[in-house]
Amino acid sequence: MKKLFCFMVLLAGSQIWARETPVPAVTTLPAPVTVIEKWGVEAVPWDAWFKNNALITDKGEYVHFFWNAQDFKVNFEVKDKKTRLAEAALELVKRLYPVDAKADQVKVDIVYVLERDSYGLPKWDSLQQVAHLEFLRSKAPKSVKKKTDLTAAAMKKVFDKFELY
């Protein structure tokens, strides 16, 4: 990406100085996210939510998923937040698990990126942790159709670690 500069000309007496100053990048705000009134796994546009917001890394012994849910925060600030985050983590792994990865162990970090730099990259010191989940892909349900599929007892069976921040 090219960095744009403008030149400021300073006049002082008979001397002229030119100085480079960075031009702030023009940022476009994402379209507002629709609040999903009747939450259901089928009702959520997961592919659109994960596109450009997820980073997947095959670490060999496990696959790490890092998802910025900031743009969809309004849908997770609810009473059943834990269930919705669990569903999101399972969908993330189901849809974006690398084809060539061999590890069964999965670690998912869900964060809110509060600030970005002028290039649009996250400012790592501005991350707000939301949840950290660890589970075996082989123990994860193939699909979650309704809220009753992810009861507290079912989540204990699926997730080895579930930390909500």
C-alpha atoms as a PDB file:
ATOM      1  CA  MET A   1       0.000   0.000   0.000  1.00  0.00           C
ATOM      2  CA  LYS A   2       1.412   3.391  -0.931  1.00  0.00           C
ATOM      3  CA  LYS A   3       1.768   6.052   1.700  1.00  0.00           C
ATOM      4  CA  LEU A   4       0.466   9.440   0.665  1.00  0.00           C
ATOM      5  CA  PHE A   5       2.238  12.608   1.624  1.00  0.00           C
ATOM      6  CA  CYS A   6       1.476  16.231   1.151  1.00  0.00           C
ATOM      7  CA  PHE A   7       4.141  18.865   1.191  1.00  0.00           C
ATOM      8  CA  MET A   8       3.738  21.840   3.425  1.00  0.00           C
ATOM      9  CA  VAL A   9       5.593  24.933   2.364  1.00  0.00           C
ATOM     10  CA  LEU A  10       6.696  27.202   5.132  1.00  0.00           C
ATOM     11  CA  LEU A  11       7.678  30.728   4.365  1.00  0.00           C
ATOM     12  CA  ALA A  12       9.959  32.461   6.785  1.00  0.00           C
ATOM     13  CA  GLY A  13      11.548  35.637   5.590  1.00  0.00           C
ATOM     14  CA  SER A  14      13.249  34.864   2.304  1.00  0.00           C
ATOM     15  CA  GLN A  15      13.734  31.139   2.949  1.00  0.00           C
ATOM     16  CA  ILE A  16      11.308  28.401   1.975  1.00  0.00           C
ATOM     17  CA  TRP A  17      11.184  25.034   3.725  1.00  0.00           C
ATOM     18  CA  ALA A  18       9.250  22.025   2.530  1.00  0.00           C
ATOM     19  CA  ARG A  19       8.244  19.333   4.931  1.00  0.00           C
ATOM     20  CA  GLU A  20       6.512  15.996   4.351  1.00  0.00           C
ATOM     21  CA  THR A  21       3.486  15.194   6.456  1.00  0.00           C
ATOM     22  CA  PRO A  22       1.472  12.000   6.213  1.00  0.00           C
ATOM     23  CA  VAL A  23      -2.062  12.376   4.936  1.00  0.00           C
ATOM     24  CA  PRO A  24      -4.531  10.490   7.117  1.00  0.00           C
ATOM     25  CA  ALA A  25      -6.045   7.491   5.369  1.00  0.00           C
ATOM     26  CA  VAL A  26      -9.662   7.729   4.410  1.00  0.00           C
ATOM     27  CA  THR A  27     -11.524   5.022   6.277  1.00  0.00           C
ATOM     28  CA  THR A  28     -14.885   3.714   5.306  1.00  0.00           C
ATOM     29  CA  LEU A  29     -17.127   2.552   8.074  1.00  0.00           C
ATOM     30  CA  PRO A  30     -18.712  -0.870   7.666  1.00  0.00           C
ATOM     31  CA  ALA A  31     -22.416  -1.048   7.114  1.00  0.00           C
ATOM     32  CA  PRO A  32     -24.298  -1.339  10.377  1.00  0.00           C
ATOM     33  CA  VAL A  33     -24.904  -4.921  11.406  1.00  0.00           C
ATOM     34  CA  THR A  34     -28.495  -5.976  11.695  1.00  0.00           C
ATOM     35  CA  VAL A  35     -29.527  -7.243  15.083  1.00  0.00           C
ATOM     36  CA  ILE A  36     -30.762 -10.784  14.677  1.00  0.00           C
ATOM     37  CA  GLU A  37     -34.056 -10.767  16.530  1.00  0.00           C
ATOM     38  CA  LYS A  38     -34.811 -14.479  16.282  1.00  0.00           C
ATOM     39  CA  TRP A  39     -31.399 -16.015  16.859  1.00  0.00           C
ATOM     40  CA  GLY A  40     -30.736 -19.343  15.231  1.00  0.00           C
ATOM     41  CA  VAL A  41     -27.675 -20.864  13.640  1.00  0.00           C
ATOM     42  CA  GLU A  42     -29.412 -20.827  10.253  1.00  0.00           C
ATOM     43  CA  ALA A  43     -30.429 -17.156  10.644  1.00  0.00           C
ATOM     44  CA  VAL A  44     -26.865 -15.857  11.065  1.00  0.00           C
ATOM     45  CA  PRO A  45     -24.882 -14.926   7.935  1.00  0.00           C
ATOM     46  CA  TRP A  46     -21.753 -16.702   9.244  1.00  0.00           C
ATOM     47  CA  ASP A  47     -19.757 -16.546   6.007  1.00  0.00           C
ATOM     48  CA  ALA A  48     -20.177 -12.768   5.793  1.00  0.00           C
ATOM     49  CA  TRP A  49     -19.316 -12.414   9.490  1.00  0.00           C
ATOM     50  CA  PHE A  50     -16.123 -14.481   9.191  1.00  0.00           C
ATOM     51  CA  LYS A  51     -14.948 -12.989   5.882  1.00  0.00           C
ATOM     52  CA  ASN A  52     -11.996 -10.632   6.473  1.00  0.00           C
ATOM     53  CA  ASN A  53     -12.411 -10.992  10.250  1.00  0.00           C
ATOM     54  CA  ALA A  54     -10.845 -14.387  10.923  1.00  0.00           C
ATOM     55  CA  LEU A  55      -7.228 -15.514  11.050  1.00  0.00           C
ATOM     56  CA  ILE A  56      -6.545 -19.255  11.016  1.00  0.00           C
ATOM     57  CA  THR A  57      -3.132 -20.707  11.806  1.00  0.00           C
ATOM     58  CA  ASP A  58      -2.155 -24.366  11.700  1.00  0.00           C
ATOM     59  CA  LYS A  59       0.287 -24.767  14.597  1.00  0.00           C
ATOM     60  CA  GLY A  60       0.874 -28.486  13.992  1.00  0.00           C
ATOM     61  CA  GLU A  61      -0.457 -29.880  17.269  1.00  0.00           C
ATOM     62  CA  TYR A  62      -3.528 -27.600  17.130  1.00  0.00           C
ATOM     63  CA  VAL A  63      -5.276 -25.158  14.807  1.00  0.00           C
ATOM     64  CA  HIS A  64      -5.725 -21.646  16.158  1.00  0.00           C
ATOM     65  CA  PHE A  65      -8.702 -19.523  15.141  1.00  0.00           C
ATOM     66  CA  PHE A  66      -8.687 -15.797  15.874  1.00  0.00           C
ATOM     67  CA  TRP A  67     -11.938 -13.970  15.161  1.00  0.00           C
ATOM     68  CA  ASN A  68     -12.636 -10.247  15.457  1.00  0.00           C
ATOM     69  CA  ALA A  69     -16.322 -10.008  16.363  1.00  0.00           C
ATOM     70  CA  GLN A  70     -16.334  -6.227  16.915  1.00  0.00           C
ATOM     71  CA  ASP A  71     -18.647  -5.488  13.994  1.00  0.00           C
ATOM     72  CA  PHE A  72     -21.173  -8.040  15.306  1.00  0.00           C
ATOM     73  CA  LYS A  73     -20.865  -7.159  18.995  1.00  0.00           C
ATOM     74  CA  VAL A  74     -24.493  -6.071  19.251  1.00  0.00           C
ATOM     75  CA  ASN A  75     -25.577  -9.680  18.656  1.00  0.00           C
ATOM     76  CA  PHE A  76     -23.428 -11.018  21.498  1.00  0.00           C
ATOM     77  CA  GLU A  77     -24.295  -8.540  24.235  1.00  0.00           C
ATOM     78  CA  VAL A  78     -27.306 -10.555  25.354  1.00  0.00           C
ATOM     79  CA  LYS A  79     -28.403 -12.821  28.196  1.00  0.00           C
ATOM     80  CA  ASP A  80     -27.378 -16.054  26.407  1.00  0.00           C
ATOM     81  CA  LYS A  81     -23.992 -14.665  25.334  1.00  0.00           C
ATOM     82  CA  LYS A  82     -22.123 -17.857  26.251  1.00  0.00           C
ATOM     83  CA  THR A  83     -24.345 -20.024  24.052  1.00  0.00           C
ATOM     84  CA  ARG A  84     -24.064 -17.633  21.102  1.00  0.00           C
ATOM     85  CA  LEU A  85     -20.276 -17.478  21.400  1.00  0.00           C
ATOM     86  CA  ALA A  86     -20.124 -21.281  21.569  1.00  0.00           C
ATOM     87  CA  GLU A  87     -22.239 -21.515  18.414  1.00  0.00           C
ATOM     88  CA  ALA A  88     -20.018 -18.947  16.690  1.00  0.00           C
ATOM     89  CA  ALA A  89     -16.863 -20.878  17.615  1.00  0.00           C
ATOM     90  CA  LEU A  90     -18.306 -24.147  16.336  1.00  0.00           C
ATOM     91  CA  GLU A  91     -19.440 -22.524  13.081  1.00  0.00           C
ATOM     92  CA  LEU A  92     -16.049 -20.844  12.638  1.00  0.00           C
ATOM     93  CA  VAL A  93     -14.257 -24.170  12.926  1.00  0.00           C
ATOM     94  CA  LYS A  94     -16.820 -26.010  10.806  1.00  0.00           C
ATOM     95  CA  ARG A  95     -16.619 -23.499   7.951  1.00  0.00           C
ATOM     96  CA  LEU A  96     -12.960 -22.442   7.971  1.00  0.00           C
ATOM     97  CA  TYR A  97     -10.978 -25.457   9.185  1.00  0.00           C
ATOM     98  CA  PRO A  98      -7.987 -25.791   6.822  1.00  0.00           C
ATOM     99  CA  VAL A  99      -8.275 -28.705   4.412  1.00  0.00           C
ATOM    100  CA  ASP A 100      -4.672 -29.792   4.913  1.00  0.00           C
ATOM    101  CA  ALA A 101      -4.624 -29.473   8.735  1.00  0.00           C
ATOM    102  CA  LYS A 102      -4.247 -32.731  10.630  1.00  0.00           C
ATOM    103  CA  ALA A 103      -4.632 -31.619  14.253  1.00  0.00           C
ATOM    104  CA  ASP A 104      -7.800 -32.525  16.149  1.00  0.00           C
ATOM    105  CA  GLN A 105      -7.169 -29.929  18.882  1.00  0.00           C
ATOM    106  CA  VAL A 106      -8.715 -26.518  18.182  1.00  0.00           C
ATOM    107  CA  LYS A 107      -8.228 -23.212  20.024  1.00  0.00           C
ATOM    108  CA  VAL A 108     -10.528 -20.295  19.320  1.00  0.00           C
ATOM    109  CA  ASP A 109      -9.997 -16.719  20.496  1.00  0.00           C
ATOM    110  CA  ILE A 110     -12.866 -14.301  19.995  1.00  0.00           C
ATOM    111  CA  VAL A 111     -11.929 -10.648  20.446  1.00  0.00           C
ATOM    112  CA  TYR A 112     -13.144  -7.137  19.771  1.00  0.00           C
ATOM    113  CA  VAL A 113     -10.618  -4.985  17.912  1.00  0.00           C
ATOM    114  CA  LEU A 114     -11.307  -1.533  19.317  1.00  0.00           C
ATOM    115  CA  GLU A 115      -8.802   0.475  17.244  1.00  0.00           C
ATOM    116  CA  ARG A 116      -7.109   0.170  13.873  1.00  0.00           C
ATOM    117  CA  ASP A 117      -4.104   1.953  12.441  1.00  0.00           C
ATOM    118  CA  SER A 118      -4.180   4.106   9.307  1.00  0.00           C
ATOM    119  CA  TYR A 119      -3.730   0.983   7.142  1.00  0.00           C
ATOM    120  CA  GLY A 120      -6.751  -0.717   8.710  1.00  0.00           C
ATOM    121  CA  LEU A 121      -4.712  -3.249  10.672  1.00  0.00           C
ATOM    122  CA  PRO A 122      -5.646  -3.964  14.292  1.00  0.00           C
ATOM    123  CA  LYS A 123      -3.786  -2.156  17.030  1.00  0.00           C
ATOM    124  CA  TRP A 124      -2.860  -5.203  19.078  1.00  0.00           C
ATOM    125  CA  ASP A 125      -2.809  -3.325  22.359  1.00  0.00           C
ATOM    126  CA  SER A 126      -6.450  -2.335  21.833  1.00  0.00           C
ATOM    127  CA  LEU A 127      -7.833  -5.890  21.732  1.00  0.00           C
ATOM    128  CA  GLN A 128     -10.605  -6.725  24.141  1.00  0.00           C
ATOM    129  CA  GLN A 129     -10.756 -10.448  24.830  1.00  0.00           C
ATOM    130  CA  VAL A 130     -14.248 -11.871  24.686  1.00  0.00           C
ATOM    131  CA  ALA A 131     -13.792 -15.639  24.889  1.00  0.00           C
ATOM    132  CA  HIS A 132     -11.185 -18.393  24.653  1.00  0.00           C
ATOM    133  CA  LEU A 133     -12.378 -21.885  23.770  1.00  0.00           C
ATOM    134  CA  GLU A 134     -10.502 -25.156  23.366  1.00  0.00           C
ATOM    135  CA  PHE A 135     -11.966 -28.413  22.145  1.00  0.00           C
ATOM    136  CA  LEU A 136     -11.358 -31.461  20.003  1.00  0.00           C
ATOM    137  CA  ARG A 137     -12.844 -31.171  16.570  1.00  0.00           C
ATOM    138  CA  SER A 138     -13.862 -34.817  16.741  1.00  0.00           C
ATOM    139  CA  LYS A 139     -16.010 -34.102  19.848  1.00  0.00           C
ATOM    140  CA  ALA A 140     -17.754 -31.096  18.319  1.00  0.00           C
ATOM    141  CA  PRO A 141     -21.298 -31.642  17.095  1.00  0.00           C
ATOM    142  CA  LYS A 142     -21.632 -31.742  13.317  1.00  0.00           C
ATOM    143  CA  SER A 143     -24.444 -29.203  13.492  1.00  0.00           C
ATOM    144  CA  VAL A 144     -26.330 -27.169  16.051  1.00  0.00           C
ATOM    145  CA  LYS A 145     -29.916 -26.614  15.015  1.00  0.00           C
ATOM    146  CA  LYS A 146     -31.557 -25.180  18.126  1.00  0.00           C
ATOM    147  CA  LYS A 147     -30.634 -23.625  21.456  1.00  0.00           C
ATOM    148  CA  THR A 148     -31.411 -26.842  23.303  1.00  0.00           C
ATOM    149  CA  ASP A 149     -28.556 -28.554  21.441  1.00  0.00           C
ATOM    150  CA  LEU A 150     -26.023 -26.504  23.432  1.00  0.00           C
ATOM    151  CA  THR A 151     -27.133 -26.853  27.022  1.00  0.00           C
ATOM    152  CA  ALA A 152     -24.652 -26.319  29.844  1.00  0.00           C
ATOM    153  CA  ALA A 153     -24.137 -30.086  30.112  1.00  0.00           C
ATOM    154  CA  ALA A 154     -23.559 -30.408  26.359  1.00  0.00           C
ATOM    155  CA  MET A 155     -21.046 -27.546  26.418  1.00  0.00           C
ATOM    156  CA  LYS A 156     -19.097 -29.262  29.213  1.00  0.00           C
ATOM    157  CA  LYS A 157     -18.828 -32.367  27.033  1.00  0.00           C
ATOM    158  CA  VAL A 158     -17.689 -30.448  23.949  1.00  0.00           C
ATOM    159  CA  PHE A 159     -15.387 -27.759  25.338  1.00  0.00           C
ATOM    160  CA  ASP A 160     -12.235 -28.619  27.295  1.00  0.00           C
ATOM    161  CA  LYS A 161     -11.801 -24.945  28.129  1.00  0.00           C
ATOM    162  CA  PHE A 162     -14.334 -22.124  27.884  1.00  0.00           C
ATOM    163  CA  GLU A 163     -13.228 -18.798  29.305  1.00  0.00           C
ATOM    164  CA  LEU A 164     -15.559 -15.849  29.039  1.00  0.00           C
ATOM    165  CA  TYR A 165     -14.007 -12.430  29.731  1.00  0.00           C
END
